[in-house]
Each structure stands twice: as structure tokens, then as C-alpha cells.
Amino acid sequence: MKGKSPSAAERRFHTTLAALGCIACRLDGRLNPIVSIHHIDGRTRPGAHLRVLPLCAGHHQDGTGMPGLIAVHPWKRRFEDRYGSQDELLQRCHGLLAEVGAA
């Protein structure tokens, strides 16, 4: 993959964020702890490894995970129409981390 590898601090952030479970599933009223880290702006921009969301397979990539989920790839607009902008989701994640004392 293109871009700089995440630093140790960024990897720790990813691990902490992943512990929240899939943010989209959470908004659908489900807890799905099996996630991958989705980079909102790709991996090459400065700070890219901090602008990430925890998403399950089905909300990250179309054709994976449970049937019927709207994936951010390739359905970004549909995904954001349902769950809010990715920036809003990132803010929700930060809020959830603050609630558990991890922010």
C-alpha cells in the first residue's frame, strides 16, 4: 500500500479505536468487534493515520461481511447518507473514546 507506515503511537491509536467495534454497526444497534481500520483521506496525507474509522468488513468493502450492509467502498455517498459524514463518524469515535477514558 502507498503511504508512510503508521508510527507506534498511531498503531496504539488504531488498536484503541478498534476496541470500539464497527462505528456503523454501532449506529445500527449492533456490536461488531471485528474491524479493520479505514483511512478517511487515504494513507499519503500528513496525519492520515489519525483520520481513521473502525469498520467491519461489510461496512468497509462491498461484497464482504453480512449481506445488506452499505460499504464505504464503493458506496461512499450512500454510506454517508445513512451514517453521516466520515468526519462526523470520526467525532463520534472520539466522543466514545472520551467516555471510556481512552481519549
PDB file of N, CA and C in Angstrom:
ATOM      1  N   MET A   1       0.835  -1.179   0.000  1.00  0.00           N
ATOM      2  CA  MET A   1       0.000   0.000   0.000  1.00  0.00           C
ATOM      3  C   MET A   1       0.877   1.239   0.000  1.00  0.00           C
ATOM      4  N   LYS A   2       0.368   2.282  -0.610  1.00  0.00           N
ATOM      5  CA  LYS A   2       1.090   3.539  -0.667  1.00  0.00           C
ATOM      6  C   LYS A   2       1.026   4.247   0.676  1.00  0.00           C
ATOM      7  N   GLY A   3       1.982   5.143   0.879  1.00  0.00           N
ATOM      8  CA  GLY A   3       1.979   5.959   2.085  1.00  0.00           C
ATOM      9  C   GLY A   3       2.965   5.461   3.117  1.00  0.00           C
ATOM     10  N   LYS A   4       3.163   6.307   4.110  1.00  0.00           N
ATOM     11  CA  LYS A   4       4.073   6.024   5.210  1.00  0.00           C
ATOM     12  C   LYS A   4       3.417   5.063   6.198  1.00  0.00           C
ATOM     13  N   SER A   5       4.191   4.166   6.724  1.00  0.00           N
ATOM     14  CA  SER A   5       3.670   3.245   7.737  1.00  0.00           C
ATOM     15  C   SER A   5       3.303   4.026   8.994  1.00  0.00           C
ATOM     16  N   PRO A   6       2.284   3.563   9.716  1.00  0.00           N
ATOM     17  CA  PRO A   6       1.916   4.258  10.951  1.00  0.00           C
ATOM     18  C   PRO A   6       3.016   4.138  12.004  1.00  0.00           C
ATOM     19  N   SER A   7       3.153   5.189  12.793  1.00  0.00           N
ATOM     20  CA  SER A   7       4.108   5.181  13.902  1.00  0.00           C
ATOM     21  C   SER A   7       3.575   4.276  15.012  1.00  0.00           C
ATOM     22  N   ALA A   8       4.394   4.037  16.012  1.00  0.00           N
ATOM     23  CA  ALA A   8       3.956   3.227  17.157  1.00  0.00           C
ATOM     24  C   ALA A   8       2.760   3.880  17.841  1.00  0.00           C
ATOM     25  N   ALA A   9       2.786   5.198  17.986  1.00  0.00           N
ATOM     26  CA  ALA A   9       1.664   5.906  18.624  1.00  0.00           C
ATOM     27  C   ALA A   9       0.399   5.783  17.782  1.00  0.00           C
ATOM     28  N   GLU A  10       0.542   5.866  16.457  1.00  0.00           N
ATOM     29  CA  GLU A  10      -0.621   5.726  15.575  1.00  0.00           C
ATOM     30  C   GLU A  10      -1.172   4.301  15.632  1.00  0.00           C
ATOM     31  N   ARG A  11      -0.302   3.314  15.701  1.00  0.00           N
ATOM     32  CA  ARG A  11      -0.760   1.919  15.831  1.00  0.00           C
ATOM     33  C   ARG A  11      -1.508   1.714  17.143  1.00  0.00           C
ATOM     34  N   ARG A  12      -1.021   2.335  18.219  1.00  0.00           N
ATOM     35  CA  ARG A  12      -1.734   2.241  19.505  1.00  0.00           C
ATOM     36  C   ARG A  12      -3.113   2.880  19.393  1.00  0.00           C
ATOM     37  N   PHE A  13      -3.189   4.024  18.689  1.00  0.00           N
ATOM     38  CA  PHE A  13      -4.482   4.678  18.485  1.00  0.00           C
ATOM     39  C   PHE A  13      -5.414   3.759  17.707  1.00  0.00           C
ATOM     40  N   HIS A  14      -4.918   3.112  16.668  1.00  0.00           N
ATOM     41  CA  HIS A  14      -5.733   2.186  15.871  1.00  0.00           C
ATOM     42  C   HIS A  14      -6.267   1.054  16.742  1.00  0.00           C
ATOM     43  N   THR A  15      -5.426   0.520  17.601  1.00  0.00           N
ATOM     44  CA  THR A  15      -5.840  -0.566  18.491  1.00  0.00           C
ATOM     45  C   THR A  15      -6.931  -0.096  19.448  1.00  0.00           C
ATOM     46  N   THR A  16      -6.746   1.093  20.010  1.00  0.00           N
ATOM     47  CA  THR A  16      -7.742   1.653  20.935  1.00  0.00           C
ATOM     48  C   THR A  16      -9.054   1.910  20.210  1.00  0.00           C
ATOM     49  N   LEU A  17      -8.965   2.477  19.017  1.00  0.00           N
ATOM     50  CA  LEU A  17     -10.155   2.776  18.224  1.00  0.00           C
ATOM     51  C   LEU A  17     -10.878   1.487  17.831  1.00  0.00           C
ATOM     52  N   ALA A  18     -10.128   0.483  17.438  1.00  0.00           N
ATOM     53  CA  ALA A  18     -10.727  -0.792  17.028  1.00  0.00           C
ATOM     54  C   ALA A  18     -11.511  -1.436  18.166  1.00  0.00           C
ATOM     55  N   ALA A  19     -11.107  -1.167  19.404  1.00  0.00           N
ATOM     56  CA  ALA A  19     -11.811  -1.739  20.557  1.00  0.00           C
ATOM     57  C   ALA A  19     -13.250  -1.238  20.663  1.00  0.00           C
ATOM     58  N   LEU A  20     -13.567  -0.134  19.988  1.00  0.00           N
ATOM     59  CA  LEU A  20     -14.947   0.371  19.974  1.00  0.00           C
ATOM     60  C   LEU A  20     -15.861  -0.521  19.142  1.00  0.00           C
ATOM     61  N   GLY A  21     -15.284  -1.286  18.227  1.00  0.00           N
ATOM     62  CA  GLY A  21     -16.087  -2.043  17.275  1.00  0.00           C
ATOM     63  C   GLY A  21     -16.460  -1.161  16.096  1.00  0.00           C
ATOM     64  N   CYS A  22     -17.179  -1.724  15.165  1.00  0.00           N
ATOM     65  CA  CYS A  22     -17.575  -1.005  13.951  1.00  0.00           C
ATOM     66  C   CYS A  22     -18.520   0.141  14.311  1.00  0.00           C
ATOM     67  N   ILE A  23     -18.136   1.353  13.937  1.00  0.00           N
ATOM     68  CA  ILE A  23     -18.952   2.523  14.269  1.00  0.00           C
ATOM     69  C   ILE A  23     -20.282   2.492  13.518  1.00  0.00           C
ATOM     70  N   ALA A  24     -20.311   1.980  12.303  1.00  0.00           N
ATOM     71  CA  ALA A  24     -21.570   1.912  11.550  1.00  0.00           C
ATOM     72  C   ALA A  24     -22.503   0.867  12.162  1.00  0.00           C
ATOM     73  N   CYS A  25     -21.972  -0.295  12.521  1.00  0.00           N
ATOM     74  CA  CYS A  25     -22.803  -1.312  13.188  1.00  0.00           C
ATOM     75  C   CYS A  25     -23.362  -0.757  14.492  1.00  0.00           C
ATOM     76  N   ARG A  26     -22.541  -0.029  15.227  1.00  0.00           N
ATOM     77  CA  ARG A  26     -22.976   0.561  16.491  1.00  0.00           C
ATOM     78  C   ARG A  26     -24.182   1.470  16.256  1.00  0.00           C
ATOM     79  N   LEU A  27     -24.146   2.258  15.180  1.00  0.00           N
ATOM     80  CA  LEU A  27     -25.268   3.147  14.866  1.00  0.00           C
ATOM     81  C   LEU A  27     -26.502   2.365  14.435  1.00  0.00           C
ATOM     82  N   ASP A  28     -26.292   1.157  13.939  1.00  0.00           N
ATOM     83  CA  ASP A  28     -27.407   0.268  13.584  1.00  0.00           C
ATOM     84  C   ASP A  28     -27.892  -0.546  14.785  1.00  0.00           C
ATOM     85  N   GLY A  29     -27.296  -0.322  15.957  1.00  0.00           N
ATOM     86  CA  GLY A  29     -27.723  -1.019  17.163  1.00  0.00           C
ATOM     87  C   GLY A  29     -27.077  -2.374  17.381  1.00  0.00           C
ATOM     88  N   ARG A  30     -25.972  -2.641  16.681  1.00  0.00           N
ATOM     89  CA  ARG A  30     -25.254  -3.912  16.831  1.00  0.00           C
ATOM     90  C   ARG A  30     -23.839  -3.631  17.325  1.00  0.00           C
ATOM     91  N   LEU A  31     -23.260  -4.591  17.997  1.00  0.00           N
ATOM     92  CA  LEU A  31     -21.852  -4.501  18.367  1.00  0.00           C
ATOM     93  C   LEU A  31     -21.096  -5.527  17.539  1.00  0.00           C
ATOM     94  N   ASN A  32     -20.187  -5.048  16.734  1.00  0.00           N
ATOM     95  CA  ASN A  32     -19.356  -5.927  15.918  1.00  0.00           C
ATOM     96  C   ASN A  32     -17.901  -5.588  16.229  1.00  0.00           C
ATOM     97  N   PRO A  33     -17.225  -6.415  17.021  1.00  0.00           N
ATOM     98  CA  PRO A  33     -15.861  -6.103  17.440  1.00  0.00           C
ATOM     99  C   PRO A  33     -14.788  -6.422  16.398  1.00  0.00           C
ATOM    100  N   ILE A  34     -15.175  -7.072  15.309  1.00  0.00           N
ATOM    101  CA  ILE A  34     -14.185  -7.456  14.295  1.00  0.00           C
ATOM    102  C   ILE A  34     -14.136  -6.361  13.234  1.00  0.00           C
ATOM    103  N   VAL A  35     -13.068  -5.562  13.275  1.00  0.00           N
ATOM    104  CA  VAL A  35     -12.973  -4.397  12.397  1.00  0.00           C
ATOM    105  C   VAL A  35     -11.619  -4.331  11.709  1.00  0.00           C
ATOM    106  N   SER A  36     -11.598  -3.516  10.671  1.00  0.00           N
ATOM    107  CA  SER A  36     -10.340  -3.071  10.083  1.00  0.00           C
ATOM    108  C   SER A  36     -10.353  -1.550  10.163  1.00  0.00           C
ATOM    109  N   ILE A  37      -9.197  -0.958   9.987  1.00  0.00           N
ATOM    110  CA  ILE A  37      -9.074   0.494  10.080  1.00  0.00           C
ATOM    111  C   ILE A  37      -9.214   1.090   8.685  1.00  0.00           C
ATOM    112  N   HIS A  38     -10.218   1.952   8.534  1.00  0.00           N
ATOM    113  CA  HIS A  38     -10.478   2.649   7.269  1.00  0.00           C
ATOM    114  C   HIS A  38      -9.862   4.042   7.341  1.00  0.00           C
ATOM    115  N   HIS A  39      -9.008   4.366   6.387  1.00  0.00           N
ATOM    116  CA  HIS A  39      -8.406   5.695   6.301  1.00  0.00           C
ATOM    117  C   HIS A  39      -9.350   6.614   5.529  1.00  0.00           C
ATOM    118  N   ILE A  40      -9.788   7.670   6.166  1.00  0.00           N
ATOM    119  CA  ILE A  40     -10.763   8.588   5.573  1.00  0.00           C
ATOM    120  C   ILE A  40     -10.194   9.283   4.345  1.00  0.00           C
ATOM    121  N   ASP A  41      -8.955   9.744   4.423  1.00  0.00           N
ATOM    122  CA  ASP A  41      -8.340  10.513   3.335  1.00  0.00           C
ATOM    123  C   ASP A  41      -7.196   9.767   2.664  1.00  0.00           C
ATOM    124  N   GLY A  42      -7.218   8.469   2.672  1.00  0.00           N
ATOM    125  CA  GLY A  42      -6.105   7.719   2.116  1.00  0.00           C
ATOM    126  C   GLY A  42      -4.952   7.659   3.105  1.00  0.00           C
ATOM    127  N   ARG A  43      -3.824   7.146   2.639  1.00  0.00           N
ATOM    128  CA  ARG A  43      -2.687   6.912   3.540  1.00  0.00           C
ATOM    129  C   ARG A  43      -1.511   7.835   3.299  1.00  0.00           C
ATOM    130  N   THR A  44      -1.615   8.763   2.360  1.00  0.00           N
ATOM    131  CA  THR A  44      -0.436   9.537   1.981  1.00  0.00           C
ATOM    132  C   THR A  44      -0.405  10.949   2.551  1.00  0.00           C
ATOM    133  N   ARG A  45      -1.512  11.487   2.984  1.00  0.00           N
ATOM    134  CA  ARG A  45      -1.532  12.853   3.521  1.00  0.00           C
ATOM    135  C   ARG A  45      -0.980  12.885   4.939  1.00  0.00           C
ATOM    136  N   PRO A  46      -0.407  14.029   5.330  1.00  0.00           N
ATOM    137  CA  PRO A  46       0.034  14.156   6.724  1.00  0.00           C
ATOM    138  C   PRO A  46      -1.146  13.931   7.674  1.00  0.00           C
ATOM    139  N   GLY A  47      -0.915  13.166   8.717  1.00  0.00           N
ATOM    140  CA  GLY A  47      -1.966  12.889   9.692  1.00  0.00           C
ATOM    141  C   GLY A  47      -2.969  11.837   9.260  1.00  0.00           C
ATOM    142  N   ALA A  48      -2.727  11.197   8.118  1.00  0.00           N
ATOM    143  CA  ALA A  48      -3.699  10.238   7.571  1.00  0.00           C
ATOM    144  C   ALA A  48      -3.990   9.090   8.532  1.00  0.00           C
ATOM    145  N   HIS A  49      -3.010   8.681   9.318  1.00  0.00           N
ATOM    146  CA  HIS A  49      -3.208   7.537  10.211  1.00  0.00           C
ATOM    147  C   HIS A  49      -3.990   7.904  11.469  1.00  0.00           C
ATOM    148  N   LEU A  50      -4.319   9.181  11.620  1.00  0.00           N
ATOM    149  CA  LEU A  50      -5.173   9.606  12.732  1.00  0.00           C
ATOM    150  C   LEU A  50      -6.593   9.903  12.269  1.00  0.00           C
ATOM    151  N   ARG A  51      -6.795   9.967  10.960  1.00  0.00           N
ATOM    152  CA  ARG A  51      -8.134  10.204  10.395  1.00  0.00           C
ATOM    153  C   ARG A  51      -8.654   8.869   9.882  1.00  0.00           C
ATOM    154  N   VAL A  52      -9.046   8.034  10.832  1.00  0.00           N
ATOM    155  CA  VAL A  52      -9.435   6.657  10.533  1.00  0.00           C
ATOM    156  C   VAL A  52     -10.712   6.291  11.272  1.00  0.00           C
ATOM    157  N   LEU A  53     -11.386   5.279  10.750  1.00  0.00           N
ATOM    158  CA  LEU A  53     -12.610   4.770  11.370  1.00  0.00           C
ATOM    159  C   LEU A  53     -12.505   3.260  11.554  1.00  0.00           C
ATOM    160  N   PRO A  54     -13.074   2.731  12.631  1.00  0.00           N
ATOM    161  CA  PRO A  54     -13.154   1.283  12.782  1.00  0.00           C
ATOM    162  C   PRO A  54     -14.398   0.769  12.057  1.00  0.00           C
ATOM    163  N   LEU A  55     -14.202  -0.015  11.017  1.00  0.00           N
ATOM    164  CA  LEU A  55     -15.319  -0.545  10.233  1.00  0.00           C
ATOM    165  C   LEU A  55     -15.185  -2.054  10.080  1.00  0.00           C
ATOM    166  N   CYS A  56     -16.317  -2.745  10.166  1.00  0.00           N
ATOM    167  CA  CYS A  56     -16.333  -4.184   9.895  1.00  0.00           C
ATOM    168  C   CYS A  56     -16.137  -4.392   8.390  1.00  0.00           C
ATOM    169  N   ALA A  57     -15.926  -5.622   8.006  1.00  0.00           N
ATOM    170  CA  ALA A  57     -15.692  -5.938   6.594  1.00  0.00           C
ATOM    171  C   ALA A  57     -16.829  -5.436   5.711  1.00  0.00           C
ATOM    172  N   GLY A  58     -18.061  -5.689   6.120  1.00  0.00           N
ATOM    173  CA  GLY A  58     -19.211  -5.319   5.294  1.00  0.00           C
ATOM    174  C   GLY A  58     -19.432  -3.832   5.152  1.00  0.00           C
ATOM    175  N   HIS A  59     -19.035  -3.047   6.141  1.00  0.00           N
ATOM    176  CA  HIS A  59     -19.151  -1.594   6.034  1.00  0.00           C
ATOM    177  C   HIS A  59     -17.910  -0.966   5.392  1.00  0.00           C
ATOM    178  N   HIS A  60     -16.840  -1.758   5.270  1.00  0.00           N
ATOM    179  CA  HIS A  60     -15.619  -1.239   4.668  1.00  0.00           C
ATOM    180  C   HIS A  60     -15.563  -1.525   3.166  1.00  0.00           C
ATOM    181  N   GLN A  61     -15.751  -2.757   2.772  1.00  0.00           N
ATOM    182  CA  GLN A  61     -15.631  -3.160   1.368  1.00  0.00           C
ATOM    183  C   GLN A  61     -16.883  -3.893   0.924  1.00  0.00           C
ATOM    184  N   ASP A  62     -17.446  -3.465  -0.195  1.00  0.00           N
ATOM    185  CA  ASP A  62     -18.641  -4.105  -0.738  1.00  0.00           C
ATOM    186  C   ASP A  62     -18.362  -5.574  -1.046  1.00  0.00           C
ATOM    187  N   GLY A  63     -19.347  -6.407  -0.770  1.00  0.00           N
ATOM    188  CA  GLY A  63     -19.243  -7.823  -1.091  1.00  0.00           C
ATOM    189  C   GLY A  63     -18.604  -8.653   0.005  1.00  0.00           C
ATOM    190  N   THR A  64     -18.315  -8.030   1.134  1.00  0.00           N
ATOM    191  CA  THR A  64     -17.758  -8.764   2.270  1.00  0.00           C
ATOM    192  C   THR A  64     -18.708  -8.583   3.453  1.00  0.00           C
ATOM    193  N   GLY A  65     -18.590  -9.390   4.453  1.00  0.00           N
ATOM    194  CA  GLY A  65     -19.448  -9.230   5.624  1.00  0.00           C
ATOM    195  C   GLY A  65     -20.877  -9.662   5.358  1.00  0.00           C
ATOM    196  N   MET A  66     -21.778  -9.267   6.278  1.00  0.00           N
ATOM    197  CA  MET A  66     -23.193  -9.642   6.179  1.00  0.00           C
ATOM    198  C   MET A  66     -23.834  -9.023   4.940  1.00  0.00           C
ATOM    199  N   PRO A  67     -24.761  -9.732   4.314  1.00  0.00           N
ATOM    200  CA  PRO A  67     -25.489  -9.150   3.185  1.00  0.00           C
ATOM    201  C   PRO A  67     -26.304  -7.941   3.637  1.00  0.00           C
ATOM    202  N   GLY A  68     -26.439  -6.984   2.748  1.00  0.00           N
ATOM    203  CA  GLY A  68     -27.289  -5.825   3.004  1.00  0.00           C
ATOM    204  C   GLY A  68     -26.598  -4.635   3.634  1.00  0.00           C
ATOM    205  N   LEU A  69     -25.322  -4.770   4.006  1.00  0.00           N
ATOM    206  CA  LEU A  69     -24.613  -3.634   4.587  1.00  0.00           C
ATOM    207  C   LEU A  69     -24.166  -2.679   3.486  1.00  0.00           C
ATOM    208  N   ILE A  70     -24.156  -1.402   3.794  1.00  0.00           N
ATOM    209  CA  ILE A  70     -23.678  -0.393   2.843  1.00  0.00           C
ATOM    210  C   ILE A  70     -22.208  -0.139   3.141  1.00  0.00           C
ATOM    211  N   ALA A  71     -21.363  -0.444   2.180  1.00  0.00           N
ATOM    212  CA  ALA A  71     -19.919  -0.292   2.362  1.00  0.00           C
ATOM    213  C   ALA A  71     -19.457   1.081   1.889  1.00  0.00           C
ATOM    214  N   VAL A  72     -18.485   1.633   2.614  1.00  0.00           N
ATOM    215  CA  VAL A  72     -17.923   2.923   2.226  1.00  0.00           C
ATOM    216  C   VAL A  72     -17.202   2.812   0.872  1.00  0.00           C
ATOM    217  N   HIS A  73     -16.627   1.631   0.573  1.00  0.00           N
ATOM    218  CA  HIS A  73     -16.029   1.368  -0.744  1.00  0.00           C
ATOM    219  C   HIS A  73     -16.931   0.376  -1.460  1.00  0.00           C
ATOM    220  N   PRO A  74     -17.602   0.692  -2.506  1.00  0.00           N
ATOM    221  CA  PRO A  74     -17.528   1.898  -3.327  1.00  0.00           C
ATOM    222  C   PRO A  74     -18.701   2.857  -3.103  1.00  0.00           C
ATOM    223  N   TRP A  75     -19.485   2.673  -2.062  1.00  0.00           N
ATOM    224  CA  TRP A  75     -20.739   3.416  -1.900  1.00  0.00           C
ATOM    225  C   TRP A  75     -20.621   4.571  -0.904  1.00  0.00           C
ATOM    226  N   LYS A  76     -19.590   5.395  -1.040  1.00  0.00           N
ATOM    227  CA  LYS A  76     -19.327   6.462  -0.075  1.00  0.00           C
ATOM    228  C   LYS A  76     -20.551   7.347   0.164  1.00  0.00           C
ATOM    229  N   ARG A  77     -21.194   7.790  -0.893  1.00  0.00           N
ATOM    230  CA  ARG A  77     -22.342   8.696  -0.729  1.00  0.00           C
ATOM    231  C   ARG A  77     -23.486   8.006   0.010  1.00  0.00           C
ATOM    232  N   ARG A  78     -23.827   6.794  -0.381  1.00  0.00           N
ATOM    233  CA  ARG A  78     -24.895   6.043   0.303  1.00  0.00           C
ATOM    234  C   ARG A  78     -24.524   5.779   1.757  1.00  0.00           C
ATOM    235  N   PHE A  79     -23.268   5.428   1.990  1.00  0.00           N
ATOM    236  CA  PHE A  79     -22.783   5.186   3.346  1.00  0.00           C
ATOM    237  C   PHE A  79     -22.951   6.450   4.193  1.00  0.00           C
ATOM    238  N   GLU A  80     -22.522   7.592   3.662  1.00  0.00           N
ATOM    239  CA  GLU A  80     -22.610   8.847   4.415  1.00  0.00           C
ATOM    240  C   GLU A  80     -24.051   9.322   4.562  1.00  0.00           C
ATOM    241  N   ASP A  81     -24.895   9.053   3.582  1.00  0.00           N
ATOM    242  CA  ASP A  81     -26.319   9.401   3.722  1.00  0.00           C
ATOM    243  C   ASP A  81     -26.937   8.655   4.899  1.00  0.00           C
ATOM    244  N   ARG A  82     -26.523   7.423   5.101  1.00  0.00           N
ATOM    245  CA  ARG A  82     -27.091   6.612   6.185  1.00  0.00           C
ATOM    246  C   ARG A  82     -26.463   6.923   7.549  1.00  0.00           C
ATOM    247  N   TYR A  83     -25.138   7.061   7.578  1.00  0.00           N
ATOM    248  CA  TYR A  83     -24.431   7.134   8.861  1.00  0.00           C
ATOM    249  C   TYR A  83     -23.879   8.514   9.206  1.00  0.00           C
ATOM    250  N   GLY A  84     -23.908   9.442   8.279  1.00  0.00           N
ATOM    251  CA  GLY A  84     -23.289  10.749   8.493  1.00  0.00           C
ATOM    252  C   GLY A  84     -21.942  10.793   7.798  1.00  0.00           C
ATOM    253  N   SER A  85     -21.388  11.985   7.715  1.00  0.00           N
ATOM    254  CA  SER A  85     -20.092  12.121   7.049  1.00  0.00           C
ATOM    255  C   SER A  85     -19.029  11.364   7.839  1.00  0.00           C
ATOM    256  N   GLN A  86     -17.960  11.048   7.153  1.00  0.00           N
ATOM    257  CA  GLN A  86     -16.878  10.340   7.828  1.00  0.00           C
ATOM    258  C   GLN A  86     -16.252  11.207   8.919  1.00  0.00           C
ATOM    259  N   ASP A  87     -16.237  12.521   8.719  1.00  0.00           N
ATOM    260  CA  ASP A  87     -15.754  13.417   9.772  1.00  0.00           C
ATOM    261  C   ASP A  87     -16.670  13.361  10.992  1.00  0.00           C
ATOM    262  N   GLU A  88     -17.984  13.298  10.763  1.00  0.00           N
ATOM    263  CA  GLU A  88     -18.924  13.170  11.882  1.00  0.00           C
ATOM    264  C   GLU A  88     -18.716  11.842  12.614  1.00  0.00           C
ATOM    265  N   LEU A  89     -18.495  10.785  11.857  1.00  0.00           N
ATOM    266  CA  LEU A  89     -18.249   9.480  12.478  1.00  0.00           C
ATOM    267  C   LEU A  89     -16.955   9.492  13.288  1.00  0.00           C
ATOM    268  N   LEU A  90     -15.941  10.173  12.766  1.00  0.00           N
ATOM    269  CA  LEU A  90     -14.685  10.286  13.499  1.00  0.00           C
ATOM    270  C   LEU A  90     -14.908  11.021  14.818  1.00  0.00           C
ATOM    271  N   GLN A  91     -15.706  12.086  14.778  1.00  0.00           N
ATOM    272  CA  GLN A  91     -16.007  12.818  16.013  1.00  0.00           C
ATOM    273  C   GLN A  91     -16.777  11.933  17.000  1.00  0.00           C
ATOM    274  N   ARG A  92     -17.694  11.127  16.498  1.00  0.00           N
ATOM    275  CA  ARG A  92     -18.414  10.179  17.369  1.00  0.00           C
ATOM    276  C   ARG A  92     -17.426   9.220  18.035  1.00  0.00           C
ATOM    277  N   CYS A  93     -16.488   8.735  17.244  1.00  0.00           N
ATOM    278  CA  CYS A  93     -15.483   7.821  17.795  1.00  0.00           C
ATOM    279  C   CYS A  93     -14.677   8.506  18.893  1.00  0.00           C
ATOM    280  N   HIS A  94     -14.261   9.744  18.646  1.00  0.00           N
ATOM    281  CA  HIS A  94     -13.509  10.481  19.664  1.00  0.00           C
ATOM    282  C   HIS A  94     -14.350  10.661  20.926  1.00  0.00           C
ATOM    283  N   GLY A  95     -15.642  10.933  20.746  1.00  0.00           N
ATOM    284  CA  GLY A  95     -16.540  11.068  21.889  1.00  0.00           C
ATOM    285  C   GLY A  95     -16.656   9.771  22.676  1.00  0.00           C
ATOM    286  N   LEU A  96     -16.785   8.656  21.965  1.00  0.00           N
ATOM    287  CA  LEU A  96     -16.869   7.353  22.634  1.00  0.00           C
ATOM    288  C   LEU A  96     -15.573   7.028  23.376  1.00  0.00           C
ATOM    289  N   LEU A  97     -14.443   7.365  22.773  1.00  0.00           N
ATOM    290  CA  LEU A  97     -13.165   7.132  23.447  1.00  0.00           C
ATOM    291  C   LEU A  97     -13.065   7.976  24.715  1.00  0.00           C
ATOM    292  N   ALA A  98     -13.550   9.214  24.639  1.00  0.00           N
ATOM    293  CA  ALA A  98     -13.530  10.085  25.820  1.00  0.00           C
ATOM    294  C   ALA A  98     -14.410   9.514  26.931  1.00  0.00           C
ATOM    295  N   GLU A  99     -15.552   8.945  26.558  1.00  0.00           N
ATOM    296  CA  GLU A  99     -16.465   8.360  27.550  1.00  0.00           C
ATOM    297  C   GLU A  99     -15.815   7.221  28.331  1.00  0.00           C
ATOM    298  N   VAL A 100     -14.966   6.469  27.654  1.00  0.00           N
ATOM    299  CA  VAL A 100     -14.316   5.340  28.332  1.00  0.00           C
ATOM    300  C   VAL A 100     -12.927   5.717  28.860  1.00  0.00           C
ATOM    301  N   GLY A 101     -12.593   6.994  28.749  1.00  0.00           N
ATOM    302  CA  GLY A 101     -11.320   7.472  29.278  1.00  0.00           C
ATOM    303  C   GLY A 101     -10.115   7.117  28.446  1.00  0.00           C
ATOM    304  N   ALA A 102     -10.333   6.855  27.160  1.00  0.00           N
ATOM    305  CA  ALA A 102      -9.226   6.458  26.288  1.00  0.00           C
ATOM    306  C   ALA A 102      -8.777   7.576  25.358  1.00  0.00           C
ATOM    307  N   ALA A 103      -9.422   8.739  25.427  1.00  0.00           N
ATOM    308  CA  ALA A 103      -9.061   9.827  24.506  1.00  0.00           C
ATOM    309  C   ALA A 103      -8.050  10.754  25.132  1.00  0.00           C
TER     310      ALA A 103
END
